């Protein structure tokens, strides 16, 4: 069950009870310029690091539009039911219970009624390196990371969960070598067959690897692992 709290014009949701003293400092960061990094795959991130009392290091994800609409409405969305931040928060919580390594969701927030802006707060992953970058540096570590990726994707398939944009830029390893799957925005329960879902994962992965000229080990291990 989600716990809700409103602070000024910001509406928060979380799975555990968070005090106003923990959440209010975050509101001062919501409209700061987020650090934007361009990965090897060209994907953009928009996050702000922060500290939360009793939680520790977290990151605040800003939701930004893609496609042509981003030139007209960059960060606002029409509110029809749950916000994007709430949907991703709930999906991260769900897949985490399946044993899949994802950023631990702490809270989500939004402001606005008809049109809204939204933010997702997750626990920070320590010094993450994307699988795309790792594949260009260390083949042995890449092989170990891919074995973990395949296990986790297999679990997503078994549980009928579609990550709509899973590619080597949305997979990271921390300093301990733990592999995480990122960016479940727009992810959902898949209503086709598991074979169809498996094919979607393989096709999206291979397209990204080929397009960006990444090492073939990424495709070969994926094809062999998801038979």
Foldseek 3Di string as FASTA:
>chain_A
DWDWDDDDQKIKIFPDDDDCQQVVVVVVVLPPFFDWDQDLLRDIWGWDWDQGVPQGIKIKGWDFDDDPCCVPPTFKDFDDDDDLQVVVLVVVVVLVVLVAAAFNWGMKMWGDDRIITIMTMGHDFAPKDFLQVVLVPDVVLNVVLLVSVLVSVVSCLVQQKAQQQWERRQWIAGPVSDIHGYDSRVIDRHDDHSVVRLVSVLVNHVVSCVVSVGDCVNNVSSVVSSD
